[in-house]
Amino acid sequence: MPTTRFKLLIILTAGFVIPAVIAPSIVEASRGRQSMEQCVSRVLTRLTRARAPEAQVGPTVLSECDGPLRATLAEAIRTGEAGLCTVESCIGMARGRAAEEATEAYRQRARP
């Protein structure tokens, strides 16, 4: 089950934590976030089982979850959560945050 911290990753991935005002936009954005959450969870599960080095977590998550990350960011832009962004202008920040948060989630999973 995803942790609250992991759910925060999905929100922070967009680059901003500004609540959406329109209900349909919230539902739409949550679909993208759910896709990103599922992707990261699958990757972390696989890396945890393989006991992969922590240094592999960020790059692996970013490589395998690039599509869901871009979709999440695009939805956040459309709903106004990341208002001054374009996908291309904010993808670097979103990738950095996603890698950091995935690495932290991996640390928590890997602890005995």
Protein backbone atom coordinates (compact mmCIF):
# COMPACT_ATOMS: atom_id res chain seq x y z
CA MET A 1 0.00 0.00 0.00
CA PRO A 2 1.47 3.42 -0.92
CA THR A 3 2.63 5.54 1.97
CA THR A 4 1.50 9.12 2.55
CA ARG A 5 5.04 10.20 1.70
CA PHE A 6 4.86 8.29 -1.58
CA LYS A 7 1.52 9.92 -2.41
CA LEU A 8 3.16 13.28 -1.76
CA LEU A 9 5.75 12.31 -4.36
CA ILE A 10 3.03 12.16 -6.95
CA ILE A 11 1.79 15.64 -6.04
CA LEU A 12 5.30 17.10 -5.90
CA THR A 13 6.17 15.51 -9.20
CA ALA A 14 4.07 18.16 -10.88
CA GLY A 15 6.34 20.79 -9.36
CA PHE A 16 3.67 22.62 -7.35
CA VAL A 17 1.22 21.80 -4.58
CA ILE A 18 -1.73 24.03 -5.45
CA PRO A 19 -5.20 22.46 -5.09
CA ALA A 20 -7.34 22.23 -8.19
CA VAL A 21 -10.70 23.93 -7.97
CA ILE A 22 -12.82 22.04 -10.49
CA ALA A 23 -13.89 18.48 -9.51
CA PRO A 24 -13.52 16.90 -13.00
CA SER A 25 -9.98 18.26 -13.19
CA ILE A 26 -9.15 16.64 -9.85
CA VAL A 27 -10.42 13.28 -11.08
CA GLU A 28 -8.47 13.62 -14.32
CA ALA A 29 -5.28 14.55 -12.49
CA SER A 30 -5.67 11.69 -10.06
CA ARG A 31 -5.69 9.20 -12.94
CA GLY A 32 -2.27 10.40 -14.09
CA ARG A 33 -0.94 10.37 -10.57
CA GLN A 34 -2.29 6.87 -10.03
CA SER A 35 -0.51 5.70 -13.17
CA MET A 36 2.74 7.25 -11.95
CA GLU A 37 2.28 5.77 -8.49
CA GLN A 38 1.69 2.30 -9.93
CA CYS A 39 4.72 2.56 -12.20
CA VAL A 40 7.04 3.66 -9.40
CA SER A 41 5.65 0.99 -7.10
CA ARG A 42 6.32 -1.74 -9.69
CA VAL A 43 9.87 -0.52 -10.24
CA LEU A 44 10.61 -0.23 -6.51
CA THR A 45 9.21 -3.69 -5.84
CA ARG A 46 11.46 -5.18 -8.51
CA LEU A 47 14.52 -3.26 -7.32
CA THR A 48 13.86 -4.21 -3.70
CA ARG A 49 13.59 -7.89 -4.57
CA ALA A 50 16.82 -7.68 -6.56
CA ARG A 51 18.49 -5.75 -3.72
CA ALA A 52 19.68 -3.25 -6.27
CA PRO A 53 22.12 -0.56 -5.20
CA GLU A 54 20.41 2.65 -4.13
CA ALA A 55 22.23 4.54 -6.89
CA GLN A 56 20.18 2.63 -9.49
CA VAL A 57 16.79 3.67 -8.10
CA GLY A 58 16.45 7.20 -9.50
CA PRO A 59 17.73 6.44 -12.99
CA THR A 60 15.66 3.24 -13.25
CA VAL A 61 12.44 4.91 -12.09
CA LEU A 62 12.97 7.82 -14.45
CA SER A 63 13.72 5.55 -17.37
CA GLU A 64 10.78 3.23 -16.85
CA CYS A 65 8.22 5.81 -15.68
CA ASP A 66 8.95 8.68 -18.06
CA GLY A 67 5.59 8.39 -19.83
CA PRO A 68 3.48 8.45 -16.64
CA LEU A 69 5.63 11.27 -15.24
CA ARG A 70 5.07 13.39 -18.35
CA ALA A 71 1.35 12.60 -18.31
CA THR A 72 1.10 13.56 -14.64
CA LEU A 73 2.91 16.82 -15.29
CA ALA A 74 0.75 17.57 -18.35
CA GLU A 75 -2.43 16.98 -16.32
CA ALA A 76 -1.14 19.22 -13.51
CA ILE A 77 -0.52 21.95 -16.08
CA ARG A 78 -4.01 21.51 -17.59
CA THR A 79 -5.70 21.66 -14.17
CA GLY A 80 -3.74 24.73 -13.08
CA GLU A 81 -1.63 23.00 -10.44
CA ALA A 82 1.55 23.81 -12.35
CA GLY A 83 0.31 26.94 -14.05
CA LEU A 84 3.50 28.56 -15.29
CA CYS A 85 4.99 25.37 -16.69
CA THR A 86 5.09 23.54 -19.92
CA VAL A 87 6.00 19.88 -19.86
CA GLU A 88 9.39 20.68 -21.39
CA SER A 89 10.15 23.62 -19.08
CA CYS A 90 9.33 21.72 -15.86
CA ILE A 91 10.21 18.11 -16.70
CA GLY A 92 13.72 18.50 -15.29
CA MET A 93 12.40 19.64 -11.92
CA ALA A 94 9.74 16.91 -11.92
CA ARG A 95 12.33 14.26 -12.79
CA GLY A 96 14.64 15.43 -10.00
CA ARG A 97 11.90 15.32 -7.42
CA ALA A 98 10.62 11.96 -8.62
CA ALA A 99 14.12 10.45 -8.41
CA GLU A 100 14.71 11.85 -4.91
CA GLU A 101 11.37 10.67 -3.57
CA ALA A 102 11.67 7.23 -5.20
CA THR A 103 15.11 6.80 -3.65
CA GLU A 104 13.73 7.70 -0.22
CA ALA A 105 10.83 5.28 -0.66
CA TYR A 106 13.36 2.59 -1.67
CA ARG A 107 15.39 3.26 1.48
CA GLN A 108 12.27 2.74 3.58
CA ARG A 109 11.41 -0.52 1.78
CA ALA A 110 14.95 -1.85 1.98
CA ARG A 111 15.31 -1.32 5.72
CA PRO A 112 15.12 -4.55 7.71
